[in-house]
């Protein structure tokens, strides 16, 4: 579950549980791809250039969006317009990511 926790100049920050930790993920609508932490990339079995399927479960029925891993970063970021708007309009959502 991702909850919108604060707003930035270019989007918003969401807090999410990943494993046993709470992490912050930045969201924006620039469609630059997804920047994953090393642990996220390892668990998904993905690397730069891999395609990801993001399933967003918010208020209505689930919405799917495809994105590409743009890189591995210490600060996770999802730069995907569809994901940004679906999570933002509901103030939070369940997000499931898997390798496409």
C-alpha atoms as a PDB file:
ATOM      1  CA  UNK A   1       0.000   0.000   0.000  1.00  0.00           C
ATOM      2  CA  UNK A   2       1.344   3.380  -1.025  1.00  0.00           C
ATOM      3  CA  UNK A   3       0.036   6.439   0.795  1.00  0.00           C
ATOM      4  CA  UNK A   4       0.701   9.958  -0.448  1.00  0.00           C
ATOM      5  CA  UNK A   5       2.778  11.492   2.333  1.00  0.00           C
ATOM      6  CA  UNK A   6       3.986  14.833   0.905  1.00  0.00           C
ATOM      7  CA  UNK A   7       4.167  16.901  -2.246  1.00  0.00           C
ATOM      8  CA  UNK A   8       7.276  17.931  -4.176  1.00  0.00           C
ATOM      9  CA  UNK A   9       7.824  20.486  -6.931  1.00  0.00           C
ATOM     10  CA  UNK A  10       7.424  17.809  -9.591  1.00  0.00           C
ATOM     11  CA  UNK A  11       5.037  15.310  -7.999  1.00  0.00           C
ATOM     12  CA  UNK A  12       4.553  13.627  -4.636  1.00  0.00           C
ATOM     13  CA  UNK A  13       6.203  11.245  -2.215  1.00  0.00           C
ATOM     14  CA  UNK A  14       4.521   8.046  -1.199  1.00  0.00           C
ATOM     15  CA  UNK A  15       5.288   5.864   1.793  1.00  0.00           C
ATOM     16  CA  UNK A  16       5.117   2.130   1.210  1.00  0.00           C
ATOM     17  CA  UNK A  17       5.966  -1.104   2.956  1.00  0.00           C
ATOM     18  CA  UNK A  18       8.614  -3.138   1.201  1.00  0.00           C
ATOM     19  CA  UNK A  19       9.582  -6.304   2.990  1.00  0.00           C
ATOM     20  CA  UNK A  20       9.847  -5.323   6.633  1.00  0.00           C
ATOM     21  CA  UNK A  21      10.801  -1.693   5.927  1.00  0.00           C
ATOM     22  CA  UNK A  22       8.883   1.459   5.135  1.00  0.00           C
ATOM     23  CA  UNK A  23      10.345   3.226   2.126  1.00  0.00           C
ATOM     24  CA  UNK A  24       9.635   6.521   0.384  1.00  0.00           C
ATOM     25  CA  UNK A  25       8.954   6.438  -3.343  1.00  0.00           C
ATOM     26  CA  UNK A  26       8.814   9.577  -5.444  1.00  0.00           C
ATOM     27  CA  UNK A  27       6.118   9.755  -8.140  1.00  0.00           C
ATOM     28  CA  UNK A  28       5.952  12.087 -11.140  1.00  0.00           C
ATOM     29  CA  UNK A  29       4.307  12.193 -14.565  1.00  0.00           C
ATOM     30  CA  UNK A  30       7.388  12.702 -16.768  1.00  0.00           C
ATOM     31  CA  UNK A  31       7.354   9.128 -18.172  1.00  0.00           C
ATOM     32  CA  UNK A  32      11.100   8.685 -17.616  1.00  0.00           C
ATOM     33  CA  UNK A  33      10.691   5.126 -16.305  1.00  0.00           C
ATOM     34  CA  UNK A  34      11.167   3.537 -12.911  1.00  0.00           C
ATOM     35  CA  UNK A  35      14.219   3.932 -10.727  1.00  0.00           C
ATOM     36  CA  UNK A  36      14.410   1.009  -8.297  1.00  0.00           C
ATOM     37  CA  UNK A  37      16.464   0.417  -5.192  1.00  0.00           C
ATOM     38  CA  UNK A  38      18.990  -2.410  -5.435  1.00  0.00           C
ATOM     39  CA  UNK A  39      16.806  -4.630  -3.268  1.00  0.00           C
ATOM     40  CA  UNK A  40      13.703  -3.953  -5.382  1.00  0.00           C
ATOM     41  CA  UNK A  41      15.595  -4.695  -8.611  1.00  0.00           C
ATOM     42  CA  UNK A  42      16.971  -7.923  -7.153  1.00  0.00           C
ATOM     43  CA  UNK A  43      13.564  -9.125  -5.937  1.00  0.00           C
ATOM     44  CA  UNK A  44      11.949  -8.335  -9.292  1.00  0.00           C
ATOM     45  CA  UNK A  45      14.818  -9.895 -11.221  1.00  0.00           C
ATOM     46  CA  UNK A  46      15.145  -6.753 -13.294  1.00  0.00           C
ATOM     47  CA  UNK A  47      17.852  -4.366 -14.399  1.00  0.00           C
ATOM     48  CA  UNK A  48      18.137  -1.217 -16.486  1.00  0.00           C
ATOM     49  CA  UNK A  49      16.085  -1.650 -19.651  1.00  0.00           C
ATOM     50  CA  UNK A  50      13.779  -4.354 -18.245  1.00  0.00           C
ATOM     51  CA  UNK A  51      10.053  -3.838 -18.746  1.00  0.00           C
ATOM     52  CA  UNK A  52       7.834  -3.703 -15.650  1.00  0.00           C
ATOM     53  CA  UNK A  53       4.112  -4.113 -15.297  1.00  0.00           C
ATOM     54  CA  UNK A  54       2.589  -1.950 -12.568  1.00  0.00           C
ATOM     55  CA  UNK A  55      -0.899  -2.881 -11.365  1.00  0.00           C
ATOM     56  CA  UNK A  56      -2.603  -0.091  -9.425  1.00  0.00           C
ATOM     57  CA  UNK A  57      -5.510  -1.040  -7.180  1.00  0.00           C
ATOM     58  CA  UNK A  58      -7.181   2.177  -6.052  1.00  0.00           C
ATOM     59  CA  UNK A  59     -10.860   3.058  -5.817  1.00  0.00           C
ATOM     60  CA  UNK A  60     -12.202   1.318  -8.900  1.00  0.00           C
ATOM     61  CA  UNK A  61     -11.076  -1.773 -10.759  1.00  0.00           C
ATOM     62  CA  UNK A  62      -7.313  -2.406 -11.135  1.00  0.00           C
ATOM     63  CA  UNK A  63      -5.436  -0.407 -13.752  1.00  0.00           C
ATOM     64  CA  UNK A  64      -2.270  -1.705 -15.417  1.00  0.00           C
ATOM     65  CA  UNK A  65       0.592   0.382 -16.692  1.00  0.00           C
ATOM     66  CA  UNK A  66       3.816  -0.700 -18.348  1.00  0.00           C
ATOM     67  CA  UNK A  67       7.103   1.078 -17.724  1.00  0.00           C
ATOM     68  CA  UNK A  68      10.793   0.450 -18.185  1.00  0.00           C
ATOM     69  CA  UNK A  69      13.486   0.296 -15.519  1.00  0.00           C
ATOM     70  CA  UNK A  70      15.484   3.464 -16.134  1.00  0.00           C
ATOM     71  CA  UNK A  71      18.063   2.711 -13.475  1.00  0.00           C
ATOM     72  CA  UNK A  72      18.928   1.595  -9.976  1.00  0.00           C
ATOM     73  CA  UNK A  73      19.022   4.361  -7.392  1.00  0.00           C
ATOM     74  CA  UNK A  74      19.178   4.829  -3.646  1.00  0.00           C
ATOM     75  CA  UNK A  75      15.942   6.854  -3.948  1.00  0.00           C
ATOM     76  CA  UNK A  76      13.173   4.867  -5.663  1.00  0.00           C
ATOM     77  CA  UNK A  77      11.136   6.866  -8.179  1.00  0.00           C
ATOM     78  CA  UNK A  78       8.276   5.945 -10.483  1.00  0.00           C
ATOM     79  CA  UNK A  79       8.092   8.368 -13.378  1.00  0.00           C
ATOM     80  CA  UNK A  80       4.949   7.173 -15.143  1.00  0.00           C
ATOM     81  CA  UNK A  81       1.946   9.385 -15.891  1.00  0.00           C
ATOM     82  CA  UNK A  82      -0.726   6.712 -15.508  1.00  0.00           C
ATOM     83  CA  UNK A  83       0.612   5.496 -12.165  1.00  0.00           C
ATOM     84  CA  UNK A  84       1.069   9.077 -10.950  1.00  0.00           C
ATOM     85  CA  UNK A  85      -2.520  10.080 -11.701  1.00  0.00           C
ATOM     86  CA  UNK A  86      -4.153   6.872 -10.441  1.00  0.00           C
ATOM     87  CA  UNK A  87      -2.313   6.945  -7.092  1.00  0.00           C
ATOM     88  CA  UNK A  88      -2.596  10.726  -6.746  1.00  0.00           C
ATOM     89  CA  UNK A  89      -6.332  11.027  -7.356  1.00  0.00           C
ATOM     90  CA  UNK A  90      -7.099   8.406  -4.691  1.00  0.00           C
ATOM     91  CA  UNK A  91      -4.470   9.636  -2.214  1.00  0.00           C
ATOM     92  CA  UNK A  92      -2.964   6.159  -2.171  1.00  0.00           C
ATOM     93  CA  UNK A  93      -3.286   2.710  -3.686  1.00  0.00           C
ATOM     94  CA  UNK A  94      -2.029  -0.831  -3.618  1.00  0.00           C
ATOM     95  CA  UNK A  95       0.733  -1.139  -6.192  1.00  0.00           C
ATOM     96  CA  UNK A  96       2.035  -4.441  -7.437  1.00  0.00           C
ATOM     97  CA  UNK A  97       5.091  -4.512  -9.657  1.00  0.00           C
ATOM     98  CA  UNK A  98       6.383  -7.444 -11.660  1.00  0.00           C
ATOM     99  CA  UNK A  99       8.640  -8.039 -14.586  1.00  0.00           C
ATOM    100  CA  UNK A 100       6.687  -7.837 -17.854  1.00  0.00           C
END
